[in-house]
């Protein structure tokens, strides 16, 4: 099957990688590391994780480079696939700290670094931690792009997604209504109602959860 072929590819690439890392690891091998990380899928072999760690460590000397970010992302998701989400989270939050250091706390680079860091919080059901970072993302998106932008809409949706699991239904509905209004605005501007239709369904679901069936039906 596809997974079996993926594992075979990962095994083959792993041999090549470990051969390449016989001496000093080189950042130019990051592309190969990325291929292995994607192919492994389920749980990387210890040797593959070791190679990813080695590449990650080597690229720290130029921590804000494209290779360094690629190596960090590869290692983080390999750790996640191995079940070590706390370890993955440490790497991803380290990337966030690097973005803050080099580009400022309210930069677009920080916004980009927050996105992957959220995955670990979601997969560990750490909703309050995720909410804290999402609120920060909303503030940065407002400053960088404005409250009528696709980027702001994206962060509104993320905010709503952490409120439901915490049973903050009233706040989730408020955010959902705000997101719906923005989705309608963006749909008119873009001549594309894909996001609007999705948000109608999401808000209707929240109304059902809040025992407001009339409002839910009105959205269908």
N, C-alpha and C. Protein backbone atom coordinates (compact mmCIF):
# COMPACT_ATOMS: atom_id res chain seq x y z
N UNK A 1 0.81 -1.20 0.00
CA UNK A 1 0.00 0.00 0.00
C UNK A 1 0.85 1.25 0.00
N UNK A 2 0.18 2.40 0.03
CA UNK A 2 0.90 3.67 -0.01
C UNK A 2 1.80 3.83 1.21
N UNK A 3 1.29 3.43 2.39
CA UNK A 3 2.10 3.57 3.60
C UNK A 3 3.33 2.69 3.53
N UNK A 4 3.16 1.46 3.01
CA UNK A 4 4.29 0.56 2.88
C UNK A 4 5.35 1.11 1.95
N UNK A 5 4.90 1.66 0.82
CA UNK A 5 5.86 2.26 -0.12
C UNK A 5 6.54 3.48 0.50
N UNK A 6 5.77 4.23 1.29
CA UNK A 6 6.35 5.39 1.96
C UNK A 6 7.44 4.97 2.93
N UNK A 7 7.20 3.87 3.65
CA UNK A 7 8.21 3.40 4.59
C UNK A 7 9.45 2.89 3.86
N UNK A 8 9.23 2.20 2.72
CA UNK A 8 10.38 1.75 1.94
C UNK A 8 11.21 2.93 1.45
N UNK A 9 10.51 3.96 0.96
CA UNK A 9 11.21 5.16 0.51
C UNK A 9 11.97 5.79 1.66
N UNK A 10 11.32 5.87 2.82
CA UNK A 10 11.98 6.45 3.99
C UNK A 10 13.23 5.68 4.36
N UNK A 11 13.12 4.32 4.30
CA UNK A 11 14.27 3.49 4.65
C UNK A 11 15.43 3.74 3.70
N UNK A 12 15.12 3.81 2.40
CA UNK A 12 16.16 4.07 1.41
C UNK A 12 16.80 5.42 1.59
N UNK A 13 15.99 6.43 1.80
CA UNK A 13 16.51 7.77 2.02
C UNK A 13 17.31 7.84 3.31
N UNK A 14 16.85 7.07 4.30
CA UNK A 14 17.55 7.08 5.59
C UNK A 14 18.99 6.59 5.43
N UNK A 15 19.19 5.53 4.62
CA UNK A 15 20.54 5.01 4.41
C UNK A 15 21.42 6.07 3.76
N UNK A 16 20.86 6.73 2.74
CA UNK A 16 21.61 7.78 2.05
C UNK A 16 21.96 8.90 3.01
N UNK A 17 20.99 9.28 3.83
CA UNK A 17 21.21 10.38 4.76
C UNK A 17 22.29 10.06 5.78
N UNK A 18 22.19 8.85 6.34
CA UNK A 18 23.17 8.50 7.37
C UNK A 18 24.58 8.39 6.77
N UNK A 19 24.65 7.97 5.49
CA UNK A 19 25.94 7.95 4.79
C UNK A 19 26.46 9.37 4.62
N UNK A 20 25.54 10.28 4.23
CA UNK A 20 25.93 11.68 4.03
C UNK A 20 26.40 12.31 5.32
N UNK A 21 25.85 11.83 6.45
CA UNK A 21 26.22 12.39 7.74
C UNK A 21 27.36 11.62 8.42
N UNK A 22 28.07 10.82 7.61
CA UNK A 22 29.19 10.08 8.19
C UNK A 22 30.22 11.00 8.80
N UNK A 23 30.43 12.13 8.15
CA UNK A 23 31.33 13.13 8.72
C UNK A 23 30.50 14.23 9.35
N UNK A 24 30.85 15.47 9.04
CA UNK A 24 30.10 16.61 9.59
C UNK A 24 28.80 16.78 8.82
N UNK A 25 27.70 16.98 9.53
CA UNK A 25 26.41 17.20 8.87
C UNK A 25 26.43 18.54 8.16
N UNK A 26 25.73 18.62 7.05
CA UNK A 26 25.73 19.86 6.28
C UNK A 26 24.31 20.36 6.09
N UNK A 27 24.10 21.66 6.24
CA UNK A 27 22.76 22.21 6.04
C UNK A 27 22.21 21.95 4.65
N UNK A 28 23.06 21.70 3.65
CA UNK A 28 22.56 21.44 2.31
C UNK A 28 21.79 20.13 2.23
N UNK A 29 21.92 19.30 3.27
CA UNK A 29 21.18 18.04 3.30
C UNK A 29 19.76 18.21 3.83
N UNK A 30 19.37 19.43 4.19
CA UNK A 30 18.05 19.65 4.79
C UNK A 30 16.93 19.19 3.86
N UNK A 31 17.09 19.43 2.55
CA UNK A 31 16.05 18.99 1.62
C UNK A 31 15.82 17.51 1.69
N UNK A 32 16.88 16.73 1.83
CA UNK A 32 16.76 15.29 1.96
C UNK A 32 16.09 14.92 3.27
N UNK A 33 16.43 15.65 4.32
CA UNK A 33 15.79 15.43 5.62
C UNK A 33 14.28 15.64 5.51
N UNK A 34 13.88 16.70 4.82
CA UNK A 34 12.46 16.99 4.65
C UNK A 34 11.76 15.84 3.95
N UNK A 35 12.38 15.28 2.92
CA UNK A 35 11.79 14.14 2.21
C UNK A 35 11.57 12.97 3.15
N UNK A 36 12.57 12.69 3.99
CA UNK A 36 12.44 11.57 4.94
C UNK A 36 11.32 11.84 5.93
N UNK A 37 11.26 13.04 6.45
CA UNK A 37 10.23 13.37 7.43
C UNK A 37 8.85 13.18 6.84
N UNK A 38 8.66 13.57 5.59
CA UNK A 38 7.36 13.42 4.94
C UNK A 38 7.04 11.97 4.65
N UNK A 39 8.07 11.20 4.23
CA UNK A 39 7.83 9.82 3.84
C UNK A 39 7.57 8.91 5.03
N UNK A 40 8.21 9.21 6.16
CA UNK A 40 8.06 8.34 7.32
C UNK A 40 6.62 8.30 7.80
N UNK A 41 5.98 9.44 7.90
CA UNK A 41 4.56 9.50 8.21
C UNK A 41 4.20 9.07 9.61
N UNK A 42 4.29 7.78 9.92
CA UNK A 42 3.80 7.29 11.19
C UNK A 42 4.80 7.52 12.32
N UNK A 43 5.88 6.75 12.34
CA UNK A 43 6.86 6.88 13.42
C UNK A 43 8.25 6.72 12.85
N UNK A 44 9.08 7.76 12.86
CA UNK A 44 10.42 7.67 12.29
C UNK A 44 11.31 6.75 13.10
N UNK A 45 12.24 6.11 12.41
CA UNK A 45 13.20 5.25 13.09
C UNK A 45 14.14 6.10 13.95
N UNK A 46 14.68 5.51 15.02
CA UNK A 46 15.60 6.27 15.88
C UNK A 46 16.76 6.90 15.11
N UNK A 47 17.28 6.16 14.11
CA UNK A 47 18.40 6.71 13.34
C UNK A 47 17.98 7.93 12.55
N UNK A 48 16.74 7.92 12.05
CA UNK A 48 16.25 9.08 11.30
C UNK A 48 16.07 10.28 12.22
N UNK A 49 15.54 10.02 13.41
CA UNK A 49 15.40 11.11 14.39
C UNK A 49 16.76 11.68 14.76
N UNK A 50 17.73 10.80 14.91
CA UNK A 50 19.08 11.26 15.25
C UNK A 50 19.65 12.14 14.14
N UNK A 51 19.39 11.75 12.89
CA UNK A 51 19.88 12.55 11.77
C UNK A 51 19.20 13.91 11.73
N UNK A 52 17.91 13.92 12.01
CA UNK A 52 17.17 15.19 12.02
C UNK A 52 17.68 16.09 13.14
N UNK A 53 17.95 15.49 14.30
CA UNK A 53 18.50 16.28 15.41
C UNK A 53 19.86 16.87 15.04
N UNK A 54 20.67 16.07 14.36
CA UNK A 54 22.01 16.53 14.00
C UNK A 54 21.91 17.71 13.03
N UNK A 55 21.03 17.58 12.04
CA UNK A 55 20.84 18.68 11.09
C UNK A 55 20.33 19.93 11.81
N UNK A 56 19.39 19.73 12.72
CA UNK A 56 18.84 20.85 13.49
C UNK A 56 19.95 21.56 14.26
N UNK A 57 20.79 20.79 14.92
CA UNK A 57 21.87 21.39 15.73
C UNK A 57 22.86 22.16 14.86
N UNK A 58 23.21 21.59 13.69
CA UNK A 58 24.17 22.24 12.80
C UNK A 58 23.64 23.58 12.31
N UNK A 59 22.35 23.66 12.03
CA UNK A 59 21.79 24.89 11.46
C UNK A 59 21.57 25.98 12.51
N UNK A 60 21.81 25.68 13.79
CA UNK A 60 21.59 26.71 14.83
C UNK A 60 22.56 27.88 14.68
N UNK A 61 23.68 27.67 14.00
CA UNK A 61 24.64 28.76 13.85
C UNK A 61 24.09 29.88 12.96
N UNK A 62 23.08 29.55 12.16
CA UNK A 62 22.41 30.56 11.33
C UNK A 62 20.91 30.39 11.55
N UNK A 63 20.48 30.62 12.78
CA UNK A 63 19.17 30.20 13.25
C UNK A 63 17.98 30.82 12.53
N UNK A 64 18.18 31.94 11.87
CA UNK A 64 17.05 32.59 11.19
C UNK A 64 17.07 32.33 9.68
N UNK A 65 17.85 31.36 9.24
CA UNK A 65 17.93 31.05 7.81
C UNK A 65 16.81 30.10 7.40
N UNK A 66 16.60 30.01 6.09
CA UNK A 66 15.57 29.10 5.57
C UNK A 66 15.90 27.65 5.93
N UNK A 67 17.18 27.28 5.81
CA UNK A 67 17.58 25.91 6.17
C UNK A 67 17.33 25.62 7.64
N UNK A 68 17.62 26.59 8.49
CA UNK A 68 17.41 26.39 9.93
C UNK A 68 15.94 26.19 10.24
N UNK A 69 15.08 26.99 9.64
CA UNK A 69 13.64 26.84 9.89
C UNK A 69 13.13 25.52 9.35
N UNK A 70 13.63 25.11 8.17
CA UNK A 70 13.22 23.83 7.60
C UNK A 70 13.64 22.67 8.49
N UNK A 71 14.86 22.73 9.01
CA UNK A 71 15.36 21.68 9.88
C UNK A 71 14.55 21.60 11.17
N UNK A 72 14.20 22.75 11.73
CA UNK A 72 13.40 22.78 12.96
C UNK A 72 12.02 22.20 12.73
N UNK A 73 11.38 22.59 11.63
CA UNK A 73 10.04 22.09 11.33
C UNK A 73 10.07 20.59 11.11
N UNK A 74 11.07 20.10 10.38
CA UNK A 74 11.19 18.66 10.12
C UNK A 74 11.36 17.89 11.43
N UNK A 75 12.23 18.38 12.30
CA UNK A 75 12.46 17.71 13.58
C UNK A 75 11.20 17.73 14.42
N UNK A 76 10.53 18.86 14.48
CA UNK A 76 9.34 18.98 15.32
C UNK A 76 8.27 17.98 14.89
N UNK A 77 8.01 17.89 13.58
CA UNK A 77 6.94 16.99 13.14
C UNK A 77 7.37 15.54 13.21
N UNK A 78 8.66 15.26 13.08
CA UNK A 78 9.14 13.89 13.29
C UNK A 78 8.95 13.49 14.75
N UNK A 79 9.26 14.41 15.67
CA UNK A 79 9.04 14.13 17.09
C UNK A 79 7.56 13.91 17.37
N UNK A 80 6.72 14.74 16.74
CA UNK A 80 5.28 14.55 16.91
C UNK A 80 4.82 13.20 16.41
N UNK A 81 5.32 12.79 15.23
CA UNK A 81 4.95 11.48 14.69
C UNK A 81 5.44 10.35 15.58
N UNK A 82 6.51 10.60 16.33
CA UNK A 82 7.03 9.60 17.26
C UNK A 82 6.30 9.65 18.60
N UNK A 83 5.35 10.55 18.74
CA UNK A 83 4.57 10.66 19.97
C UNK A 83 5.14 11.60 21.00
N UNK A 84 6.20 12.29 20.65
CA UNK A 84 6.84 13.21 21.59
C UNK A 84 6.40 14.64 21.29
N UNK A 85 5.14 14.95 21.54
CA UNK A 85 4.66 16.30 21.26
C UNK A 85 5.25 17.35 22.21
N UNK A 86 5.52 17.01 23.48
CA UNK A 86 6.22 18.01 24.30
C UNK A 86 7.58 18.40 23.71
N UNK A 87 8.32 17.41 23.18
CA UNK A 87 9.59 17.72 22.54
C UNK A 87 9.42 18.55 21.29
N UNK A 88 8.38 18.19 20.51
CA UNK A 88 8.09 18.95 19.29
C UNK A 88 7.72 20.39 19.64
N UNK A 89 6.94 20.52 20.71
CA UNK A 89 6.49 21.85 21.13
C UNK A 89 7.68 22.72 21.54
N UNK A 90 8.65 22.11 22.18
CA UNK A 90 9.84 22.85 22.59
C UNK A 90 10.57 23.41 21.38
N UNK A 91 10.68 22.60 20.32
CA UNK A 91 11.36 23.06 19.11
C UNK A 91 10.57 24.19 18.46
N UNK A 92 9.26 24.02 18.35
CA UNK A 92 8.42 25.01 17.67
C UNK A 92 8.37 26.33 18.44
N UNK A 93 8.32 26.25 19.76
CA UNK A 93 8.35 27.48 20.56
C UNK A 93 9.72 28.14 20.49
N UNK A 94 10.74 27.33 20.29
CA UNK A 94 12.07 27.88 20.06
C UNK A 94 12.11 28.69 18.77
N UNK A 95 11.41 28.19 17.73
CA UNK A 95 11.32 28.93 16.48
C UNK A 95 10.58 30.26 16.66
N UNK A 96 9.59 30.24 17.52
CA UNK A 96 8.85 31.47 17.82
C UNK A 96 9.78 32.48 18.51
N UNK A 97 10.58 32.00 19.44
CA UNK A 97 11.52 32.89 20.13
C UNK A 97 12.54 33.48 19.15
N UNK A 98 12.97 32.69 18.19
CA UNK A 98 13.92 33.18 17.18
C UNK A 98 13.27 34.27 16.33
N UNK A 99 12.02 34.06 15.95
CA UNK A 99 11.30 35.07 15.16
C UNK A 99 11.17 36.37 15.94
N UNK A 100 10.87 36.26 17.23
CA UNK A 100 10.76 37.46 18.07
C UNK A 100 12.10 38.19 18.16
N UNK A 101 13.16 37.42 18.31
CA UNK A 101 14.51 37.98 18.45
C UNK A 101 14.95 38.74 17.21
N UNK A 102 14.68 38.18 16.04
CA UNK A 102 15.20 38.75 14.80
C UNK A 102 14.24 39.73 14.12
N UNK A 103 12.95 39.62 14.41
CA UNK A 103 11.98 40.42 13.64
C UNK A 103 11.03 41.26 14.50
N UNK A 104 11.10 41.08 15.82
CA UNK A 104 10.23 41.87 16.70
C UNK A 104 8.99 41.08 17.09
N UNK A 105 8.42 41.40 18.27
CA UNK A 105 7.32 40.61 18.83
C UNK A 105 6.00 40.70 18.07
N UNK A 106 5.83 41.71 17.24
CA UNK A 106 4.56 41.88 16.53
C UNK A 106 4.74 41.80 15.01
N UNK A 107 5.72 41.02 14.60
CA UNK A 107 6.05 40.92 13.17
C UNK A 107 5.24 39.82 12.49
N UNK A 108 5.24 39.87 11.17
CA UNK A 108 4.58 38.81 10.40
C UNK A 108 5.31 37.49 10.59
N UNK A 109 6.62 37.54 10.78
CA UNK A 109 7.38 36.32 11.01
C UNK A 109 6.94 35.64 12.30
N UNK A 110 6.63 36.42 13.32
CA UNK A 110 6.13 35.85 14.57
C UNK A 110 4.77 35.20 14.34
N UNK A 111 3.94 35.87 13.57
CA UNK A 111 2.63 35.30 13.25
C UNK A 111 2.78 33.95 12.55
N UNK A 112 3.72 33.89 11.62
CA UNK A 112 3.97 32.63 10.91
C UNK A 112 4.50 31.55 11.84
N UNK A 113 5.27 31.95 12.86
CA UNK A 113 5.85 30.98 13.80
C UNK A 113 4.81 30.48 14.80
N UNK A 114 3.80 31.28 15.09
CA UNK A 114 2.77 30.84 16.03
C UNK A 114 1.94 29.71 15.43
N UNK A 115 1.68 29.78 14.13
CA UNK A 115 0.80 28.79 13.48
C UNK A 115 1.21 27.35 13.77
N UNK A 116 2.45 26.93 13.43
CA UNK A 116 2.81 25.53 13.70
C UNK A 116 2.87 25.20 15.18
N UNK A 117 3.20 26.18 16.01
CA UNK A 117 3.27 25.92 17.45
C UNK A 117 1.90 25.53 18.01
N UNK A 118 0.84 25.98 17.36
CA UNK A 118 -0.50 25.66 17.82
C UNK A 118 -0.83 24.18 17.67
N UNK A 119 -0.22 23.51 16.68
CA UNK A 119 -0.54 22.10 16.44
C UNK A 119 -0.31 21.26 17.68
N UNK A 120 0.81 21.49 18.35
CA UNK A 120 1.11 20.72 19.55
C UNK A 120 0.08 20.95 20.65
N UNK A 121 -0.35 22.19 20.82
CA UNK A 121 -1.37 22.47 21.83
C UNK A 121 -2.67 21.76 21.50
N UNK A 122 -3.06 21.79 20.24
CA UNK A 122 -4.31 21.14 19.84
C UNK A 122 -4.21 19.63 20.06
N UNK A 123 -3.12 19.01 19.64
CA UNK A 123 -2.99 17.56 19.73
C UNK A 123 -2.87 17.08 21.18
N UNK A 124 -2.47 17.98 22.08
CA UNK A 124 -2.40 17.64 23.50
C UNK A 124 -3.62 18.14 24.26
N UNK A 125 -4.60 18.69 23.51
CA UNK A 125 -5.82 19.25 24.12
C UNK A 125 -5.50 20.32 25.17
N UNK A 126 -4.47 21.09 24.89
CA UNK A 126 -4.08 22.19 25.79
C UNK A 126 -4.78 23.46 25.28
N UNK A 127 -6.09 23.50 25.48
CA UNK A 127 -6.91 24.54 24.87
C UNK A 127 -6.59 25.93 25.40
N UNK A 128 -6.37 26.05 26.71
CA UNK A 128 -6.10 27.38 27.26
C UNK A 128 -4.77 27.93 26.77
N UNK A 129 -3.77 27.05 26.62
CA UNK A 129 -2.48 27.50 26.08
C UNK A 129 -2.65 27.93 24.62
N UNK A 130 -3.40 27.12 23.87
CA UNK A 130 -3.65 27.48 22.46
C UNK A 130 -4.38 28.82 22.38
N UNK A 131 -5.36 29.02 23.25
CA UNK A 131 -6.13 30.26 23.22
C UNK A 131 -5.23 31.47 23.47
N UNK A 132 -4.30 31.33 24.38
CA UNK A 132 -3.40 32.44 24.71
C UNK A 132 -2.59 32.87 23.48
N UNK A 133 -2.09 31.89 22.75
CA UNK A 133 -1.30 32.21 21.55
C UNK A 133 -2.18 32.70 20.40
N UNK A 134 -3.39 32.17 20.31
CA UNK A 134 -4.29 32.62 19.25
C UNK A 134 -4.71 34.07 19.47
N UNK A 135 -4.99 34.43 20.71
CA UNK A 135 -5.33 35.82 21.01
C UNK A 135 -4.17 36.73 20.61
N UNK A 136 -2.97 36.28 20.87
CA UNK A 136 -1.80 37.06 20.44
C UNK A 136 -1.75 37.14 18.91
N UNK A 137 -2.03 36.02 18.25
CA UNK A 137 -2.05 36.02 16.79
C UNK A 137 -3.09 36.97 16.23
N UNK A 138 -4.24 37.02 16.86
CA UNK A 138 -5.29 37.96 16.44
C UNK A 138 -4.80 39.40 16.54
N UNK A 139 -4.12 39.71 17.62
CA UNK A 139 -3.62 41.08 17.81
C UNK A 139 -2.59 41.43 16.74
N UNK A 140 -1.69 40.49 16.44
CA UNK A 140 -0.68 40.76 15.42
C UNK A 140 -1.32 40.87 14.04
N UNK A 141 -2.28 39.98 13.75
CA UNK A 141 -2.98 40.04 12.45
C UNK A 141 -3.70 41.37 12.29
N UNK A 142 -4.29 41.86 13.37
CA UNK A 142 -4.96 43.17 13.32
C UNK A 142 -3.96 44.26 12.97
N UNK A 143 -2.82 44.24 13.63
CA UNK A 143 -1.81 45.28 13.42
C UNK A 143 -1.20 45.19 12.03
N UNK A 144 -0.92 43.97 11.57
CA UNK A 144 -0.20 43.79 10.31
C UNK A 144 -1.12 43.84 9.08
N UNK A 145 -2.34 43.36 9.22
CA UNK A 145 -3.21 43.21 8.05
C UNK A 145 -4.54 43.94 8.14
N UNK A 146 -4.99 44.26 9.36
CA UNK A 146 -6.27 44.92 9.53
C UNK A 146 -7.40 43.93 9.78
N UNK A 147 -8.51 44.43 10.34
CA UNK A 147 -9.62 43.57 10.75
C UNK A 147 -10.55 43.18 9.61
N UNK A 148 -10.22 43.58 8.39
CA UNK A 148 -11.05 43.21 7.24
C UNK A 148 -10.26 42.35 6.26
N UNK A 149 -9.27 41.65 6.75
CA UNK A 149 -8.36 40.88 5.90
C UNK A 149 -8.63 39.38 6.03
N UNK A 150 -8.13 38.64 5.05
CA UNK A 150 -8.20 37.18 5.11
C UNK A 150 -7.41 36.65 6.30
N UNK A 151 -6.29 37.29 6.58
CA UNK A 151 -5.45 36.84 7.69
C UNK A 151 -6.18 36.98 9.02
N UNK A 152 -6.87 38.11 9.20
CA UNK A 152 -7.63 38.29 10.44
C UNK A 152 -8.74 37.25 10.53
N UNK A 153 -9.41 36.98 9.42
CA UNK A 153 -10.48 35.96 9.39
C UNK A 153 -9.92 34.60 9.81
N UNK A 154 -8.77 34.26 9.28
CA UNK A 154 -8.12 32.99 9.60
C UNK A 154 -7.91 32.85 11.11
N UNK A 155 -7.47 33.93 11.76
CA UNK A 155 -7.23 33.86 13.19
C UNK A 155 -8.52 33.90 14.00
N UNK A 156 -9.53 34.53 13.49
CA UNK A 156 -10.85 34.45 14.15
C UNK A 156 -11.35 33.02 14.20
N UNK A 157 -11.19 32.31 13.07
CA UNK A 157 -11.63 30.92 13.01
C UNK A 157 -10.85 30.08 14.02
N UNK A 158 -9.57 30.32 14.10
CA UNK A 158 -8.76 29.58 15.09
C UNK A 158 -9.25 29.87 16.51
N UNK A 159 -9.56 31.13 16.77
CA UNK A 159 -10.02 31.49 18.10
C UNK A 159 -11.32 30.75 18.44
N UNK A 160 -12.24 30.75 17.51
CA UNK A 160 -13.49 30.03 17.74
C UNK A 160 -13.28 28.55 17.97
N UNK A 161 -12.28 27.98 17.32
CA UNK A 161 -12.06 26.54 17.42
C UNK A 161 -11.58 26.09 18.80
N UNK A 162 -11.02 26.99 19.60
CA UNK A 162 -10.58 26.59 20.94
C UNK A 162 -11.61 26.92 22.01
N UNK A 163 -12.61 27.69 21.66
CA UNK A 163 -13.62 28.07 22.65
C UNK A 163 -14.62 26.94 22.90
N UNK A 164 -15.04 26.27 21.83
CA UNK A 164 -16.00 25.17 21.97
C UNK A 164 -15.53 24.08 22.90
N UNK A 165 -14.31 23.55 22.71
CA UNK A 165 -13.83 22.49 23.60
C UNK A 165 -13.73 22.92 25.07
N UNK A 166 -13.67 24.22 25.32
CA UNK A 166 -13.63 24.72 26.70
C UNK A 166 -15.03 25.10 27.20
N UNK A 167 -16.04 24.76 26.38
CA UNK A 167 -17.44 25.01 26.71
C UNK A 167 -17.75 26.50 26.90
N UNK A 168 -16.97 27.34 26.21
CA UNK A 168 -17.24 28.78 26.21
C UNK A 168 -18.14 29.08 25.00
N UNK A 169 -19.37 28.53 25.05
CA UNK A 169 -20.23 28.56 23.88
C UNK A 169 -20.70 29.97 23.55
N UNK A 170 -21.03 30.76 24.55
CA UNK A 170 -21.51 32.12 24.29
C UNK A 170 -20.43 32.94 23.58
N UNK A 171 -19.18 32.82 24.03
CA UNK A 171 -18.08 33.53 23.40
C UNK A 171 -17.80 32.96 22.00
N UNK A 172 -17.93 31.64 21.87
CA UNK A 172 -17.72 31.02 20.57
C UNK A 172 -18.75 31.52 19.56
N UNK A 173 -20.00 31.71 20.02
CA UNK A 173 -21.04 32.24 19.14
C UNK A 173 -20.74 33.68 18.76
N UNK A 174 -20.28 34.47 19.72
CA UNK A 174 -19.94 35.87 19.42
C UNK A 174 -18.85 35.94 18.35
N UNK A 175 -17.82 35.12 18.53
CA UNK A 175 -16.72 35.09 17.57
C UNK A 175 -17.21 34.55 16.23
N UNK A 176 -18.08 33.53 16.28
CA UNK A 176 -18.61 32.95 15.05
C UNK A 176 -19.44 33.95 14.27
N UNK A 177 -20.22 34.77 14.95
CA UNK A 177 -21.02 35.80 14.27
C UNK A 177 -20.12 36.87 13.65
N UNK A 178 -19.06 37.21 14.38
CA UNK A 178 -18.10 38.17 13.83
C UNK A 178 -17.41 37.59 12.59
N UNK A 179 -17.05 36.31 12.67
CA UNK A 179 -16.40 35.66 11.53
C UNK A 179 -17.35 35.55 10.34
N UNK A 180 -18.62 35.30 10.61
CA UNK A 180 -19.60 35.21 9.53
C UNK A 180 -19.74 36.54 8.81
N UNK A 181 -19.81 37.63 9.56
CA UNK A 181 -19.92 38.95 8.95
C UNK A 181 -18.70 39.24 8.07
N UNK A 182 -17.52 38.87 8.55
CA UNK A 182 -16.31 39.09 7.78
C UNK A 182 -16.27 38.17 6.55
N UNK A 183 -16.74 36.93 6.72
CA UNK A 183 -16.78 36.00 5.58
C UNK A 183 -17.69 36.53 4.48
N UNK A 184 -18.82 37.13 4.86
CA UNK A 184 -19.73 37.73 3.87
C UNK A 184 -19.04 38.88 3.13
N UNK A 185 -18.32 39.68 3.88
CA UNK A 185 -17.59 40.81 3.29
C UNK A 185 -16.52 40.33 2.32
N UNK A 186 -15.77 39.32 2.73
CA UNK A 186 -14.70 38.79 1.88
C UNK A 186 -15.25 38.07 0.66
N UNK A 187 -16.39 37.41 0.82
CA UNK A 187 -17.01 36.69 -0.30
C UNK A 187 -17.41 37.66 -1.40
N UNK A 188 -17.93 38.82 -1.01
CA UNK A 188 -18.31 39.83 -2.00
C UNK A 188 -17.08 40.38 -2.71
N UNK A 189 -16.02 40.58 -1.95
CA UNK A 189 -14.80 41.16 -2.51
C UNK A 189 -14.10 40.17 -3.44
N UNK A 190 -14.12 38.87 -3.06
CA UNK A 190 -13.37 37.86 -3.81
C UNK A 190 -14.22 37.13 -4.85
N UNK A 191 -15.54 37.33 -4.79
CA UNK A 191 -16.47 36.59 -5.65
C UNK A 191 -16.29 35.09 -5.45
N UNK A 192 -16.14 34.71 -4.19
CA UNK A 192 -15.96 33.31 -3.83
C UNK A 192 -16.60 33.10 -2.46
N UNK A 193 -17.62 32.24 -2.41
CA UNK A 193 -18.35 32.07 -1.14
C UNK A 193 -17.99 30.78 -0.42
N UNK A 194 -16.85 30.18 -0.75
CA UNK A 194 -16.47 28.92 -0.10
C UNK A 194 -16.34 29.06 1.40
N UNK A 195 -15.62 30.06 1.85
CA UNK A 195 -15.44 30.27 3.29
C UNK A 195 -16.76 30.64 3.95
N UNK A 196 -17.58 31.39 3.24
CA UNK A 196 -18.87 31.80 3.80
C UNK A 196 -19.75 30.59 4.08
N UNK A 197 -19.81 29.66 3.13
CA UNK A 197 -20.64 28.47 3.32
C UNK A 197 -20.14 27.64 4.50
N UNK A 198 -18.82 27.54 4.63
CA UNK A 198 -18.27 26.79 5.76
C UNK A 198 -18.60 27.44 7.09
N UNK A 199 -18.54 28.77 7.13
CA UNK A 199 -18.81 29.47 8.38
C UNK A 199 -20.28 29.42 8.75
N UNK A 200 -21.17 29.40 7.76
CA UNK A 200 -22.60 29.24 8.04
C UNK A 200 -22.85 27.93 8.78
N UNK A 201 -22.23 26.86 8.30
CA UNK A 201 -22.39 25.57 8.95
C UNK A 201 -21.81 25.54 10.35
N UNK A 202 -20.65 26.16 10.52
CA UNK A 202 -20.01 26.18 11.85
C UNK A 202 -20.84 26.94 12.87
N UNK A 203 -21.38 28.08 12.44
CA UNK A 203 -22.17 28.88 13.36
C UNK A 203 -23.49 28.19 13.68
N UNK A 204 -24.08 27.54 12.68
CA UNK A 204 -25.32 26.80 12.92
C UNK A 204 -25.10 25.72 13.97
N UNK A 205 -23.97 25.04 13.88
CA UNK A 205 -23.66 24.00 14.87
C UNK A 205 -23.57 24.59 16.27
N UNK A 206 -22.98 25.76 16.41
CA UNK A 206 -22.88 26.40 17.72
C UNK A 206 -24.26 26.78 18.25
N UNK A 207 -25.12 27.26 17.36
CA UNK A 207 -26.48 27.59 17.79
C UNK A 207 -27.21 26.35 18.31
N UNK A 208 -27.02 25.22 17.63
CA UNK A 208 -27.63 23.97 18.10
C UNK A 208 -27.10 23.62 19.48
N UNK A 209 -25.80 23.77 19.69
CA UNK A 209 -25.21 23.45 21.00
C UNK A 209 -25.74 24.38 22.09
N UNK A 210 -26.07 25.60 21.71
CA UNK A 210 -26.59 26.57 22.68
C UNK A 210 -28.11 26.49 22.82
N UNK A 211 -28.70 25.45 22.23
CA UNK A 211 -30.16 25.27 22.28
C UNK A 211 -30.91 26.46 21.69
N UNK A 212 -30.40 26.90 20.53
CA UNK A 212 -31.05 27.98 19.78
C UNK A 212 -31.39 27.47 18.37
N UNK A 213 -32.32 26.50 18.28
CA UNK A 213 -32.58 25.84 17.00
C UNK A 213 -33.11 26.78 15.91
N UNK A 214 -33.88 27.80 16.30
CA UNK A 214 -34.41 28.72 15.28
C UNK A 214 -33.28 29.47 14.57
N UNK A 215 -32.29 29.92 15.34
CA UNK A 215 -31.16 30.61 14.73
C UNK A 215 -30.35 29.65 13.85
N UNK A 216 -30.23 28.41 14.30
CA UNK A 216 -29.49 27.42 13.52
C UNK A 216 -30.18 27.16 12.19
N UNK A 217 -31.50 26.95 12.23
CA UNK A 217 -32.24 26.66 11.00
C UNK A 217 -32.19 27.83 10.02
N UNK A 218 -32.14 29.03 10.54
CA UNK A 218 -32.12 30.21 9.67
C UNK A 218 -30.87 30.29 8.81
N UNK A 219 -29.84 29.57 9.21
CA UNK A 219 -28.59 29.62 8.46
C UNK A 219 -28.50 28.56 7.36
N UNK A 220 -29.47 27.63 7.35
CA UNK A 220 -29.45 26.58 6.32
C UNK A 220 -30.21 27.02 5.09
